[in-house]
């Protein structure tokens, strides 16, 4: 069931999403060569709790950490580790969920670690542009696939590939709700977008093949050809006048 939310509920989702957005900005100051992904997880958990939230991922279906930290060929769900040390030229995707007052926010961003290759920089920029293109289509009386098609069109124009095995989703009283929000498809299809729907829109984009595989830890999803991947995400409400990016913070 697709659940539309009232203004007061959207305001509460925004509170959680704002903690996520501010946490990503906090982590931006920590991403550098020599830092472990476990270091980032610890900073994130402290920040979330200090701001009155709970790490939504910690313990979710058994996930052992507060954030997902996915490096280079890791698409999503990378488990933070003291052994995973960031190096110059890496890219790292940080995905964060927060629960506060019974409502969830969810967002992600891929960061360059020091200087990266032109292709890696283009991958990051194109994925963020695809997210913005998708958000622009999150309008009342449109269709979910309008978002999907805009994302895919932007990614293909940049010469990259959209992951099809993973999708965005509704978010609010639960971390994952209906509808699913694919990052590919034809416009004009899927559920109708209505005021009060809240979506986690999240293009996952690969430099090479769109195909992915899950590692033996049963969490970490990597590109099948081990080329790099990027992931950008916002929590977005369908407002009467158009999209409202609940996880966007002023520093953006």
Protein backbone atom coordinates (compact mmCIF):
# COMPACT_ATOMS: atom_id res chain seq x y z
CA UNK A 1 0.00 0.00 0.00
CA UNK A 2 1.26 3.48 -0.91
CA UNK A 3 0.85 5.77 2.05
CA UNK A 4 0.41 9.55 1.59
CA UNK A 5 1.39 11.66 4.58
CA UNK A 6 -0.17 14.81 6.02
CA UNK A 7 1.71 18.04 6.59
CA UNK A 8 2.56 17.26 10.23
CA UNK A 9 3.89 13.83 9.31
CA UNK A 10 5.96 15.24 6.44
CA UNK A 11 7.43 17.75 8.90
CA UNK A 12 8.50 14.86 11.15
CA UNK A 13 10.03 12.98 8.22
CA UNK A 14 11.87 16.19 7.37
CA UNK A 15 13.38 16.29 10.89
CA UNK A 16 14.86 12.82 10.41
CA UNK A 17 15.98 13.60 6.86
CA UNK A 18 17.66 16.82 7.99
CA UNK A 19 19.76 14.87 10.48
CA UNK A 20 20.82 12.62 7.60
CA UNK A 21 21.70 15.61 5.42
CA UNK A 22 23.70 17.31 8.15
CA UNK A 23 25.45 14.04 8.96
CA UNK A 24 26.60 13.70 5.35
CA UNK A 25 28.03 17.21 5.55
CA UNK A 26 29.80 16.28 8.78
CA UNK A 27 31.29 13.20 7.15
CA UNK A 28 32.47 15.24 4.17
CA UNK A 29 35.06 16.78 6.51
CA UNK A 30 36.31 13.31 7.50
CA UNK A 31 36.69 11.73 4.05
CA UNK A 32 40.40 11.72 3.23
CA UNK A 33 43.24 9.26 2.62
CA UNK A 34 44.15 7.21 5.70
CA UNK A 35 40.68 7.21 7.27
CA UNK A 36 38.92 3.88 7.69
CA UNK A 37 35.27 3.32 6.87
CA UNK A 38 34.81 2.27 10.50
CA UNK A 39 36.09 5.72 11.56
CA UNK A 40 33.34 7.25 9.41
CA UNK A 41 30.73 4.96 10.93
CA UNK A 42 31.69 6.02 14.45
CA UNK A 43 31.53 9.71 13.60
CA UNK A 44 28.13 9.21 11.99
CA UNK A 45 26.64 7.30 14.90
CA UNK A 46 27.80 9.89 17.41
CA UNK A 47 26.40 12.72 15.25
CA UNK A 48 23.03 11.01 14.78
CA UNK A 49 22.57 10.28 18.47
CA UNK A 50 23.76 13.73 19.52
CA UNK A 51 21.03 15.18 17.31
CA UNK A 52 18.26 13.11 18.84
CA UNK A 53 18.05 10.40 16.20
CA UNK A 54 18.71 6.69 16.00
CA UNK A 55 20.83 5.05 13.27
CA UNK A 56 18.13 3.37 11.19
CA UNK A 57 20.48 0.87 9.56
CA UNK A 58 22.04 -0.46 12.76
CA UNK A 59 20.53 -3.90 13.30
CA UNK A 60 18.18 -3.58 10.30
CA UNK A 61 17.80 -7.14 9.05
CA UNK A 62 21.01 -7.84 10.93
CA UNK A 63 23.14 -5.08 9.40
CA UNK A 64 26.04 -4.51 11.83
CA UNK A 65 26.75 -0.79 11.41
CA UNK A 66 25.18 2.67 11.45
CA UNK A 67 25.98 3.60 7.86
CA UNK A 68 26.73 1.85 4.60
CA UNK A 69 30.20 2.74 3.30
CA UNK A 70 30.84 1.45 -0.21
CA UNK A 71 34.24 2.00 -1.83
CA UNK A 72 35.02 2.06 -5.56
CA UNK A 73 33.38 -1.03 -7.13
CA UNK A 74 31.06 -1.45 -4.15
CA UNK A 75 27.64 -0.18 -5.21
CA UNK A 76 25.74 -0.24 -1.91
CA UNK A 77 25.58 -1.89 1.53
CA UNK A 78 29.31 -1.88 2.21
CA UNK A 79 29.99 -2.80 5.83
CA UNK A 80 32.30 -0.32 7.61
CA UNK A 81 35.59 -1.90 8.65
CA UNK A 82 38.78 -0.85 10.40
CA UNK A 83 40.61 -2.70 7.62
CA UNK A 84 39.10 -0.66 4.81
CA UNK A 85 41.37 2.37 4.63
CA UNK A 86 40.55 5.10 2.12
CA UNK A 87 43.27 5.89 -0.40
CA UNK A 88 43.97 8.82 -2.67
CA UNK A 89 41.86 8.43 -5.81
CA UNK A 90 39.14 6.27 -4.23
CA UNK A 91 35.46 7.11 -4.31
CA UNK A 92 33.29 6.24 -1.31
CA UNK A 93 29.49 6.15 -1.18
CA UNK A 94 28.02 6.89 2.24
CA UNK A 95 24.37 5.94 2.75
CA UNK A 96 22.65 6.99 5.98
CA UNK A 97 19.23 6.39 7.50
CA UNK A 98 17.86 8.05 10.64
CA UNK A 99 14.80 7.34 12.76
CA UNK A 100 13.39 10.05 14.99
CA UNK A 101 9.96 10.24 16.64
CA UNK A 102 8.83 7.20 14.68
CA UNK A 103 9.70 8.57 11.22
CA UNK A 104 12.61 7.83 8.88
CA UNK A 105 14.87 9.84 6.59
CA UNK A 106 17.32 8.39 4.07
CA UNK A 107 20.03 9.92 1.86
CA UNK A 108 23.38 9.09 0.29
CA UNK A 109 26.30 10.77 -1.42
CA UNK A 110 29.46 9.60 -3.14
CA UNK A 111 32.64 11.44 -2.22
CA UNK A 112 35.97 11.71 -4.01
CA UNK A 113 38.93 10.83 -1.80
CA UNK A 114 41.54 13.40 -2.71
CA UNK A 115 42.18 13.75 -6.44
CA UNK A 116 40.32 11.26 -8.65
CA UNK A 117 40.47 10.42 -12.35
CA UNK A 118 38.42 12.47 -14.82
CA UNK A 119 36.19 9.44 -15.43
CA UNK A 120 35.52 9.04 -11.71
CA UNK A 121 34.71 12.74 -11.40
CA UNK A 122 32.35 12.49 -14.37
CA UNK A 123 30.68 9.44 -12.81
CA UNK A 124 30.00 11.35 -9.59
CA UNK A 125 28.76 14.46 -11.34
CA UNK A 126 26.54 12.52 -13.73
CA UNK A 127 24.96 10.50 -10.94
CA UNK A 128 24.17 13.65 -8.96
CA UNK A 129 22.74 15.24 -12.11
CA UNK A 130 20.59 12.13 -12.64
CA UNK A 131 19.25 12.46 -9.10
CA UNK A 132 18.29 16.07 -9.74
CA UNK A 133 16.63 15.13 -13.04
CA UNK A 134 14.59 12.48 -11.25
CA UNK A 135 13.61 14.82 -8.42
CA UNK A 136 12.37 17.39 -10.94
CA UNK A 137 9.79 14.83 -12.13
CA UNK A 138 8.48 14.14 -8.60
CA UNK A 139 5.33 16.18 -9.15
CA UNK A 140 1.64 15.62 -8.43
CA UNK A 141 -0.29 13.74 -11.12
CA UNK A 142 2.87 12.42 -12.71
CA UNK A 143 3.90 8.78 -12.58
CA UNK A 144 6.70 7.04 -10.74
CA UNK A 145 8.26 6.05 -14.05
CA UNK A 146 8.57 9.72 -15.00
CA UNK A 147 11.25 9.87 -12.30
CA UNK A 148 12.79 6.62 -13.51
CA UNK A 149 12.97 7.68 -17.16
CA UNK A 150 14.57 11.04 -16.34
CA UNK A 151 17.28 9.31 -14.32
CA UNK A 152 18.01 6.74 -17.02
CA UNK A 153 18.08 9.34 -19.79
CA UNK A 154 20.63 11.46 -17.89
CA UNK A 155 22.85 8.49 -17.09
CA UNK A 156 22.86 7.12 -20.64
CA UNK A 157 23.66 10.54 -22.07
CA UNK A 158 26.80 10.57 -19.91
CA UNK A 159 27.88 7.13 -21.16
CA UNK A 160 27.29 5.25 -17.90
CA UNK A 161 24.86 2.49 -16.89
CA UNK A 162 21.99 2.36 -14.40
CA UNK A 163 21.83 -0.48 -11.89
CA UNK A 164 18.54 -2.30 -12.48
CA UNK A 165 18.73 -4.82 -9.65
CA UNK A 166 18.31 -2.12 -6.96
CA UNK A 167 15.65 0.58 -6.68
CA UNK A 168 14.51 3.59 -4.68
CA UNK A 169 11.47 3.36 -2.46
CA UNK A 170 8.87 5.07 -0.34
CA UNK A 171 9.96 6.16 3.13
CA UNK A 172 8.19 7.50 6.20
CA UNK A 173 6.90 5.40 9.07
CA UNK A 174 9.10 2.58 7.78
CA UNK A 175 12.55 2.69 6.23
CA UNK A 176 11.32 0.96 3.09
CA UNK A 177 7.75 1.45 1.88
CA UNK A 178 5.86 1.24 -1.39
CA UNK A 179 6.21 2.26 -4.13
CA UNK A 180 9.44 0.98 -5.60
CA UNK A 181 11.21 3.68 -7.61
CA UNK A 182 13.36 2.11 -10.36
CA UNK A 183 16.10 4.13 -12.00
CA UNK A 184 15.07 3.08 -15.52
CA UNK A 185 11.88 2.79 -17.52
CA UNK A 186 9.45 4.58 -19.81
CA UNK A 187 7.61 7.71 -18.67
CA UNK A 188 3.89 7.62 -17.94
CA UNK A 189 3.87 4.24 -16.20
CA UNK A 190 3.65 3.00 -12.61
CA UNK A 191 1.76 4.45 -9.65
CA UNK A 192 0.41 7.98 -9.85
CA UNK A 193 2.29 10.58 -7.81
CA UNK A 194 0.07 12.26 -5.23
CA UNK A 195 0.61 15.05 -2.74
CA UNK A 196 1.93 13.63 0.54
CA UNK A 197 3.86 10.73 -0.94
CA UNK A 198 7.46 10.61 0.29
CA UNK A 199 10.12 8.88 -1.81
CA UNK A 200 13.77 7.96 -1.41
CA UNK A 201 15.03 8.63 -4.92
CA UNK A 202 18.45 7.07 -5.38
CA UNK A 203 20.23 6.48 -8.69
CA UNK A 204 23.00 3.91 -8.50
CA UNK A 205 25.24 4.30 -11.53
CA UNK A 206 28.12 2.17 -12.81
CA UNK A 207 31.07 3.15 -14.96
CA UNK A 208 30.82 -0.16 -16.81
CA UNK A 209 28.21 -2.89 -16.85
CA UNK A 210 24.89 -2.44 -15.07
CA UNK A 211 25.20 -5.96 -13.66
CA UNK A 212 25.96 -6.44 -9.97
CA UNK A 213 26.72 -9.32 -7.62
CA UNK A 214 26.49 -9.71 -3.83
CA UNK A 215 29.62 -10.72 -1.94
CA UNK A 216 29.87 -13.59 0.54
CA UNK A 217 29.13 -11.27 3.48
CA UNK A 218 25.56 -11.27 2.06
CA UNK A 219 25.44 -7.47 2.17
CA UNK A 220 28.01 -5.80 -0.05
CA UNK A 221 26.82 -5.37 -3.65
CA UNK A 222 29.60 -4.84 -6.21
CA UNK A 223 29.76 -4.22 -9.94
CA UNK A 224 30.12 -7.44 -11.92
CA UNK A 225 33.10 -6.04 -13.85
CA UNK A 226 34.58 -4.38 -10.73
CA UNK A 227 34.46 -0.93 -12.30
CA UNK A 228 33.45 1.95 -10.09
CA UNK A 229 29.97 2.90 -8.99
CA UNK A 230 28.32 6.02 -7.56
CA UNK A 231 25.20 6.52 -5.44
CA UNK A 232 23.29 9.73 -4.67
CA UNK A 233 19.99 9.84 -2.78
CA UNK A 234 17.52 12.29 -1.27
CA UNK A 235 14.28 11.93 0.67
CA UNK A 236 11.70 13.82 -1.38
CA UNK A 237 8.07 14.71 -0.62
CA UNK A 238 5.52 15.31 -3.36
CA UNK A 239 4.23 18.79 -2.56
CA UNK A 240 1.31 20.62 -4.15
CA UNK A 241 3.75 22.89 -6.00
CA UNK A 242 6.29 20.19 -6.82
CA UNK A 243 9.12 18.26 -5.13
CA UNK A 244 10.28 19.14 -1.63
CA UNK A 245 13.76 17.76 -0.87
CA UNK A 246 13.49 16.94 2.81
CA UNK A 247 17.14 15.87 3.23
CA UNK A 248 18.56 18.98 1.54
CA UNK A 249 20.40 21.21 4.00
CA UNK A 250 21.38 24.84 3.55
CA UNK A 251 25.05 24.08 2.98
CA UNK A 252 24.09 22.25 -0.23
